[in-house]
Each structure stands twice: as structure tokens, then as C-alpha cells.
Amino acid sequence: MKELRKYKIDEMMNKLNLPKYKAALKIIPKTLGIAFNTFHNYRKLKVGDKSDIPYGQVRKLEILFKIKEGGTG
């Protein structure tokens, strides 16, 4: 069985078409002020992992993906 992700970043990224997906891979880390690898790690966080994304960055992601605060879509 597939492990649940802590955040829906991967799910939201997979909804993008290819040109938008590639652009998002460049834009999102710059917008958050993090390295590409850190963004990749954020995408792979699983429920139960001790690591977490800082709240400010989660809010920016919600805004970028146009989802409600604390929402699922």
C-alpha cells in the first residue's frame, strides 16, 4: 500500500501539464527561497515523518496552488 504524503504538493504538481510542471519546478523553489533539493524533499514527506515545512512556506504553496488555507483543493 502506498504511504500517505504529509502535504499534497506532489498531487498538485501532477495535475499540471508538462510546460507548467517544468516551470513550477523552477519557480516554486525560488519563490520559497529554498534549494531545488529541499523542494524535492518537501514533496516526498510522509505522514509520520518528523520533518515539517515551515508555516510561511506552506501558506505560499497554498497560494501558488490556489487552495484554501489548510485546505485540500
PDB file of N, CA and C in Angstrom:
ATOM      1  N   MET A   1       0.835  -1.185   0.000  1.00  0.00           N
ATOM      2  CA  MET A   1       0.000   0.000   0.000  1.00  0.00           C
ATOM      3  C   MET A   1       0.878   1.246   0.000  1.00  0.00           C
ATOM      4  N   LYS A   2       0.438   2.247  -0.705  1.00  0.00           N
ATOM      5  CA  LYS A   2       1.176   3.491  -0.826  1.00  0.00           C
ATOM      6  C   LYS A   2       1.076   4.294   0.470  1.00  0.00           C
ATOM      7  N   GLU A   3       2.222   4.819   0.923  1.00  0.00           N
ATOM      8  CA  GLU A   3       2.207   5.643   2.134  1.00  0.00           C
ATOM      9  C   GLU A   3       1.612   7.006   1.833  1.00  0.00           C
ATOM     10  N   LEU A   4       0.874   7.536   2.784  1.00  0.00           N
ATOM     11  CA  LEU A   4       0.247   8.839   2.611  1.00  0.00           C
ATOM     12  C   LEU A   4       1.276   9.954   2.738  1.00  0.00           C
ATOM     13  N   ARG A   5       1.142  10.955   1.902  1.00  0.00           N
ATOM     14  CA  ARG A   5       2.012  12.127   1.938  1.00  0.00           C
ATOM     15  C   ARG A   5       1.464  13.117   2.955  1.00  0.00           C
ATOM     16  N   LYS A   6       2.375  13.800   3.620  1.00  0.00           N
ATOM     17  CA  LYS A   6       2.005  14.798   4.611  1.00  0.00           C
ATOM     18  C   LYS A   6       1.363  16.011   3.941  1.00  0.00           C
ATOM     19  N   TYR A   7       1.862  16.356   2.775  1.00  0.00           N
ATOM     20  CA  TYR A   7       1.350  17.508   2.022  1.00  0.00           C
ATOM     21  C   TYR A   7       0.945  17.049   0.628  1.00  0.00           C
ATOM     22  N   LYS A   8       0.091  17.811  -0.013  1.00  0.00           N
ATOM     23  CA  LYS A   8      -0.426  17.451  -1.332  1.00  0.00           C
ATOM     24  C   LYS A   8       0.364  18.109  -2.456  1.00  0.00           C
ATOM     25  N   ILE A   9       1.625  18.417  -2.209  1.00  0.00           N
ATOM     26  CA  ILE A   9       2.441  19.087  -3.216  1.00  0.00           C
ATOM     27  C   ILE A   9       2.565  18.219  -4.461  1.00  0.00           C
ATOM     28  N   ASP A  10       2.924  16.971  -4.283  1.00  0.00           N
ATOM     29  CA  ASP A  10       3.090  16.064  -5.421  1.00  0.00           C
ATOM     30  C   ASP A  10       1.784  15.922  -6.202  1.00  0.00           C
ATOM     31  N   GLU A  11       0.689  15.787  -5.483  1.00  0.00           N
ATOM     32  CA  GLU A  11      -0.621  15.646  -6.124  1.00  0.00           C
ATOM     33  C   GLU A  11      -0.944  16.884  -6.962  1.00  0.00           C
ATOM     34  N   MET A  12      -0.683  18.057  -6.417  1.00  0.00           N
ATOM     35  CA  MET A  12      -0.968  19.299  -7.136  1.00  0.00           C
ATOM     36  C   MET A  12      -0.017  19.470  -8.323  1.00  0.00           C
ATOM     37  N   MET A  13       1.233  19.102  -8.157  1.00  0.00           N
ATOM     38  CA  MET A  13       2.201  19.195  -9.253  1.00  0.00           C
ATOM     39  C   MET A  13       1.803  18.274 -10.403  1.00  0.00           C
ATOM     40  N   ASN A  14       1.320  17.083 -10.071  1.00  0.00           N
ATOM     41  CA  ASN A  14       0.947  16.106 -11.104  1.00  0.00           C
ATOM     42  C   ASN A  14      -0.295  16.517 -11.884  1.00  0.00           C
ATOM     43  N   LYS A  15      -1.065  17.467 -11.369  1.00  0.00           N
ATOM     44  CA  LYS A  15      -2.233  17.968 -12.089  1.00  0.00           C
ATOM     45  C   LYS A  15      -1.842  18.968 -13.186  1.00  0.00           C
ATOM     46  N   LEU A  16      -0.600  19.460 -13.131  1.00  0.00           N
ATOM     47  CA  LEU A  16      -0.137  20.450 -14.104  1.00  0.00           C
ATOM     48  C   LEU A  16       0.226  19.775 -15.424  1.00  0.00           C
ATOM     49  N   ASN A  17       0.041  20.504 -16.530  1.00  0.00           N
ATOM     50  CA  ASN A  17       0.515  19.977 -17.807  1.00  0.00           C
ATOM     51  C   ASN A  17       2.045  20.098 -17.825  1.00  0.00           C
ATOM     52  N   LEU A  18       2.686  19.480 -18.790  1.00  0.00           N
ATOM     53  CA  LEU A  18       4.146  19.404 -18.799  1.00  0.00           C
ATOM     54  C   LEU A  18       4.849  20.756 -18.777  1.00  0.00           C
ATOM     55  N   PRO A  19       4.469  21.723 -19.623  1.00  0.00           N
ATOM     56  CA  PRO A  19       5.156  23.025 -19.571  1.00  0.00           C
ATOM     57  C   PRO A  19       4.994  23.730 -18.219  1.00  0.00           C
ATOM     58  N   LYS A  20       3.798  23.649 -17.628  1.00  0.00           N
ATOM     59  CA  LYS A  20       3.572  24.275 -16.322  1.00  0.00           C
ATOM     60  C   LYS A  20       4.334  23.522 -15.228  1.00  0.00           C
ATOM     61  N   TYR A  21       4.399  22.210 -15.340  1.00  0.00           N
ATOM     62  CA  TYR A  21       5.127  21.388 -14.371  1.00  0.00           C
ATOM     63  C   TYR A  21       6.602  21.780 -14.358  1.00  0.00           C
ATOM     64  N   LYS A  22       7.193  21.872 -15.553  1.00  0.00           N
ATOM     65  CA  LYS A  22       8.612  22.237 -15.650  1.00  0.00           C
ATOM     66  C   LYS A  22       8.848  23.647 -15.127  1.00  0.00           C
ATOM     67  N   ALA A  23       7.938  24.564 -15.428  1.00  0.00           N
ATOM     68  CA  ALA A  23       8.066  25.931 -14.934  1.00  0.00           C
ATOM     69  C   ALA A  23       7.952  25.965 -13.410  1.00  0.00           C
ATOM     70  N   ALA A  24       7.015  25.198 -12.871  1.00  0.00           N
ATOM     71  CA  ALA A  24       6.813  25.153 -11.416  1.00  0.00           C
ATOM     72  C   ALA A  24       8.054  24.635 -10.699  1.00  0.00           C
ATOM     73  N   LEU A  25       8.746  23.676 -11.310  1.00  0.00           N
ATOM     74  CA  LEU A  25       9.970  23.146 -10.697  1.00  0.00           C
ATOM     75  C   LEU A  25      11.039  24.217 -10.537  1.00  0.00           C
ATOM     76  N   LYS A  26      10.992  25.236 -11.378  1.00  0.00           N
ATOM     77  CA  LYS A  26      11.957  26.331 -11.285  1.00  0.00           C
ATOM     78  C   LYS A  26      11.432  27.470 -10.415  1.00  0.00           C
ATOM     79  N   ILE A  27      10.147  27.787 -10.573  1.00  0.00           N
ATOM     80  CA  ILE A  27       9.567  28.946  -9.903  1.00  0.00           C
ATOM     81  C   ILE A  27       9.344  28.721  -8.406  1.00  0.00           C
ATOM     82  N   ILE A  28       8.806  27.571  -8.037  1.00  0.00           N
ATOM     83  CA  ILE A  28       8.433  27.341  -6.635  1.00  0.00           C
ATOM     84  C   ILE A  28       9.626  27.409  -5.687  1.00  0.00           C
ATOM     85  N   PRO A  29      10.741  26.723  -5.961  1.00  0.00           N
ATOM     86  CA  PRO A  29      11.871  26.855  -5.038  1.00  0.00           C
ATOM     87  C   PRO A  29      12.365  28.307  -4.910  1.00  0.00           C
ATOM     88  N   LYS A  30      12.378  29.049  -6.017  1.00  0.00           N
ATOM     89  CA  LYS A  30      12.802  30.455  -5.963  1.00  0.00           C
ATOM     90  C   LYS A  30      11.834  31.274  -5.118  1.00  0.00           C
ATOM     91  N   THR A  31      10.531  31.047  -5.304  1.00  0.00           N
ATOM     92  CA  THR A  31       9.514  31.774  -4.553  1.00  0.00           C
ATOM     93  C   THR A  31       9.621  31.497  -3.057  1.00  0.00           C
ATOM     94  N   LEU A  32       9.912  30.246  -2.707  1.00  0.00           N
ATOM     95  CA  LEU A  32      10.030  29.863  -1.301  1.00  0.00           C
ATOM     96  C   LEU A  32      11.398  30.209  -0.717  1.00  0.00           C
ATOM     97  N   GLY A  33      12.367  30.526  -1.581  1.00  0.00           N
ATOM     98  CA  GLY A  33      13.716  30.836  -1.120  1.00  0.00           C
ATOM     99  C   GLY A  33      14.464  29.605  -0.628  1.00  0.00           C
ATOM    100  N   ILE A  34      14.221  28.481  -1.316  1.00  0.00           N
ATOM    101  CA  ILE A  34      14.866  27.216  -0.931  1.00  0.00           C
ATOM    102  C   ILE A  34      15.545  26.599  -2.153  1.00  0.00           C
ATOM    103  N   ALA A  35      16.381  25.620  -1.901  1.00  0.00           N
ATOM    104  CA  ALA A  35      17.050  24.893  -2.979  1.00  0.00           C
ATOM    105  C   ALA A  35      16.078  23.905  -3.624  1.00  0.00           C
ATOM    106  N   PHE A  36      16.355  23.551  -4.873  1.00  0.00           N
ATOM    107  CA  PHE A  36      15.527  22.574  -5.587  1.00  0.00           C
ATOM    108  C   PHE A  36      15.435  21.276  -4.793  1.00  0.00           C
ATOM    109  N   ASN A  37      16.553  20.815  -4.237  1.00  0.00           N
ATOM    110  CA  ASN A  37      16.546  19.548  -3.490  1.00  0.00           C
ATOM    111  C   ASN A  37      15.669  19.632  -2.242  1.00  0.00           C
ATOM    112  N   THR A  38      15.646  20.786  -1.596  1.00  0.00           N
ATOM    113  CA  THR A  38      14.779  20.966  -0.427  1.00  0.00           C
ATOM    114  C   THR A  38      13.323  20.854  -0.853  1.00  0.00           C
ATOM    115  N   PHE A  39      12.978  21.482  -1.984  1.00  0.00           N
ATOM    116  CA  PHE A  39      11.615  21.383  -2.500  1.00  0.00           C
ATOM    117  C   PHE A  39      11.275  19.926  -2.811  1.00  0.00           C
ATOM    118  N   HIS A  40      12.206  19.215  -3.400  1.00  0.00           N
ATOM    119  CA  HIS A  40      12.002  17.795  -3.702  1.00  0.00           C
ATOM    120  C   HIS A  40      11.741  17.020  -2.411  1.00  0.00           C
ATOM    121  N   ASN A  41      12.506  17.322  -1.371  1.00  0.00           N
ATOM    122  CA  ASN A  41      12.307  16.653  -0.077  1.00  0.00           C
ATOM    123  C   ASN A  41      10.943  16.990   0.512  1.00  0.00           C
ATOM    124  N   TYR A  42      10.504  18.241   0.383  1.00  0.00           N
ATOM    125  CA  TYR A  42       9.175  18.645   0.860  1.00  0.00           C
ATOM    126  C   TYR A  42       8.094  17.812   0.176  1.00  0.00           C
ATOM    127  N   ARG A  43       8.246  17.574  -1.112  1.00  0.00           N
ATOM    128  CA  ARG A  43       7.253  16.828  -1.878  1.00  0.00           C
ATOM    129  C   ARG A  43       7.131  15.393  -1.400  1.00  0.00           C
ATOM    130  N   LYS A  44       8.203  14.844  -0.875  1.00  0.00           N
ATOM    131  CA  LYS A  44       8.231  13.428  -0.511  1.00  0.00           C
ATOM    132  C   LYS A  44       7.946  13.155   0.965  1.00  0.00           C
ATOM    133  N   LEU A  45       7.654  14.195   1.775  1.00  0.00           N
ATOM    134  CA  LEU A  45       7.381  13.986   3.196  1.00  0.00           C
ATOM    135  C   LEU A  45       6.149  13.096   3.368  1.00  0.00           C
ATOM    136  N   LYS A  46       6.273  12.133   4.255  1.00  0.00           N
ATOM    137  CA  LYS A  46       5.180  11.193   4.512  1.00  0.00           C
ATOM    138  C   LYS A  46       4.559  11.485   5.876  1.00  0.00           C
ATOM    139  N   VAL A  47       3.296  11.106   6.011  1.00  0.00           N
ATOM    140  CA  VAL A  47       2.628  11.226   7.304  1.00  0.00           C
ATOM    141  C   VAL A  47       3.454  10.427   8.314  1.00  0.00           C
ATOM    142  N   GLY A  48       3.739  11.025   9.448  1.00  0.00           N
ATOM    143  CA  GLY A  48       4.539  10.350  10.468  1.00  0.00           C
ATOM    144  C   GLY A  48       6.000  10.766  10.468  1.00  0.00           C
ATOM    145  N   ASP A  49       6.459  11.412   9.389  1.00  0.00           N
ATOM    146  CA  ASP A  49       7.828  11.921   9.363  1.00  0.00           C
ATOM    147  C   ASP A  49       7.971  13.052  10.376  1.00  0.00           C
ATOM    148  N   LYS A  50       9.136  13.153  10.979  1.00  0.00           N
ATOM    149  CA  LYS A  50       9.385  14.216  11.948  1.00  0.00           C
ATOM    150  C   LYS A  50       9.600  15.564  11.265  1.00  0.00           C
ATOM    151  N   SER A  51      10.088  15.555  10.051  1.00  0.00           N
ATOM    152  CA  SER A  51      10.338  16.793   9.318  1.00  0.00           C
ATOM    153  C   SER A  51       9.020  17.477   8.978  1.00  0.00           C
ATOM    154  N   ASP A  52       9.097  18.791   8.835  1.00  0.00           N
ATOM    155  CA  ASP A  52       7.922  19.569   8.517  1.00  0.00           C
ATOM    156  C   ASP A  52       8.328  20.772   7.681  1.00  0.00           C
ATOM    157  N   ILE A  53       7.365  21.363   6.989  1.00  0.00           N
ATOM    158  CA  ILE A  53       7.601  22.564   6.203  1.00  0.00           C
ATOM    159  C   ILE A  53       7.186  23.747   7.070  1.00  0.00           C
ATOM    160  N   PRO A  54       8.015  24.799   7.143  1.00  0.00           N
ATOM    161  CA  PRO A  54       7.627  25.986   7.919  1.00  0.00           C
ATOM    162  C   PRO A  54       6.291  26.554   7.435  1.00  0.00           C
ATOM    163  N   TYR A  55       5.498  27.058   8.375  1.00  0.00           N
ATOM    164  CA  TYR A  55       4.150  27.534   8.082  1.00  0.00           C
ATOM    165  C   TYR A  55       4.122  28.565   6.958  1.00  0.00           C
ATOM    166  N   GLY A  56       5.033  29.524   6.981  1.00  0.00           N
ATOM    167  CA  GLY A  56       5.064  30.568   5.959  1.00  0.00           C
ATOM    168  C   GLY A  56       5.212  29.988   4.561  1.00  0.00           C
ATOM    169  N   GLN A  57       6.010  28.955   4.432  1.00  0.00           N
ATOM    170  CA  GLN A  57       6.205  28.326   3.131  1.00  0.00           C
ATOM    171  C   GLN A  57       4.982  27.513   2.726  1.00  0.00           C
ATOM    172  N   VAL A  58       4.310  26.906   3.691  1.00  0.00           N
ATOM    173  CA  VAL A  58       3.079  26.170   3.398  1.00  0.00           C
ATOM    174  C   VAL A  58       2.027  27.141   2.860  1.00  0.00           C
ATOM    175  N   ARG A  59       1.912  28.322   3.493  1.00  0.00           N
ATOM    176  CA  ARG A  59       0.948  29.331   3.025  1.00  0.00           C
ATOM    177  C   ARG A  59       1.262  29.761   1.601  1.00  0.00           C
ATOM    178  N   LYS A  60       2.552  29.973   1.291  1.00  0.00           N
ATOM    179  CA  LYS A  60       2.933  30.357  -0.068  1.00  0.00           C
ATOM    180  C   LYS A  60       2.548  29.271  -1.065  1.00  0.00           C
ATOM    181  N   LEU A  61       2.735  28.012  -0.682  1.00  0.00           N
ATOM    182  CA  LEU A  61       2.355  26.899  -1.556  1.00  0.00           C
ATOM    183  C   LEU A  61       0.845  26.871  -1.767  1.00  0.00           C
ATOM    184  N   GLU A  62       0.083  27.112  -0.696  1.00  0.00           N
ATOM    185  CA  GLU A  62      -1.375  27.141  -0.826  1.00  0.00           C
ATOM    186  C   GLU A  62      -1.800  28.237  -1.795  1.00  0.00           C
ATOM    187  N   ILE A  63      -1.154  29.376  -1.715  1.00  0.00           N
ATOM    188  CA  ILE A  63      -1.469  30.491  -2.608  1.00  0.00           C
ATOM    189  C   ILE A  63      -1.084  30.139  -4.042  1.00  0.00           C
ATOM    190  N   LEU A  64       0.101  29.581  -4.233  1.00  0.00           N
ATOM    191  CA  LEU A  64       0.549  29.208  -5.577  1.00  0.00           C
ATOM    192  C   LEU A  64      -0.378  28.191  -6.227  1.00  0.00           C
ATOM    193  N   PHE A  65      -0.849  27.233  -5.440  1.00  0.00           N
ATOM    194  CA  PHE A  65      -1.719  26.186  -5.979  1.00  0.00           C
ATOM    195  C   PHE A  65      -3.205  26.542  -5.871  1.00  0.00           C
ATOM    196  N   LYS A  66      -3.490  27.746  -5.379  1.00  0.00           N
ATOM    197  CA  LYS A  66      -4.857  28.263  -5.278  1.00  0.00           C
ATOM    198  C   LYS A  66      -5.779  27.331  -4.482  1.00  0.00           C
ATOM    199  N   ILE A  67      -5.297  26.946  -3.301  1.00  0.00           N
ATOM    200  CA  ILE A  67      -6.140  26.151  -2.410  1.00  0.00           C
ATOM    201  C   ILE A  67      -6.379  26.946  -1.128  1.00  0.00           C
ATOM    202  N   LYS A  68      -7.457  26.626  -0.438  1.00  0.00           N
ATOM    203  CA  LYS A  68      -7.802  27.319   0.800  1.00  0.00           C
ATOM    204  C   LYS A  68      -6.761  27.025   1.868  1.00  0.00           C
ATOM    205  N   GLU A  69      -6.643  27.952   2.813  1.00  0.00           N
ATOM    206  CA  GLU A  69      -5.712  27.767   3.932  1.00  0.00           C
ATOM    207  C   GLU A  69      -6.082  26.491   4.663  1.00  0.00           C
ATOM    208  N   GLY A  70      -5.103  25.578   4.781  1.00  0.00           N
ATOM    209  CA  GLY A  70      -5.331  24.304   5.447  1.00  0.00           C
ATOM    210  C   GLY A  70      -6.231  23.376   4.652  1.00  0.00           C
ATOM    211  N   GLY A  71      -6.509  23.763   3.415  1.00  0.00           N
ATOM    212  CA  GLY A  71      -7.468  23.026   2.602  1.00  0.00           C
ATOM    213  C   GLY A  71      -6.841  21.903   1.803  1.00  0.00           C
ATOM    214  N   THR A  72      -7.713  21.240   1.068  1.00  0.00           N
ATOM    215  CA  THR A  72      -7.270  20.107   0.256  1.00  0.00           C
ATOM    216  C   THR A  72      -7.508  20.343  -1.216  1.00  0.00           C
ATOM    217  N   GLY A  73      -7.899  21.504  -1.586  1.00  0.00           N
ATOM    218  CA  GLY A  73      -8.119  21.754  -3.002  1.00  0.00           C
ATOM    219  C   GLY A  73      -9.206  22.673  -3.197  1.00  0.00           C
TER     220      GLY A  73
END
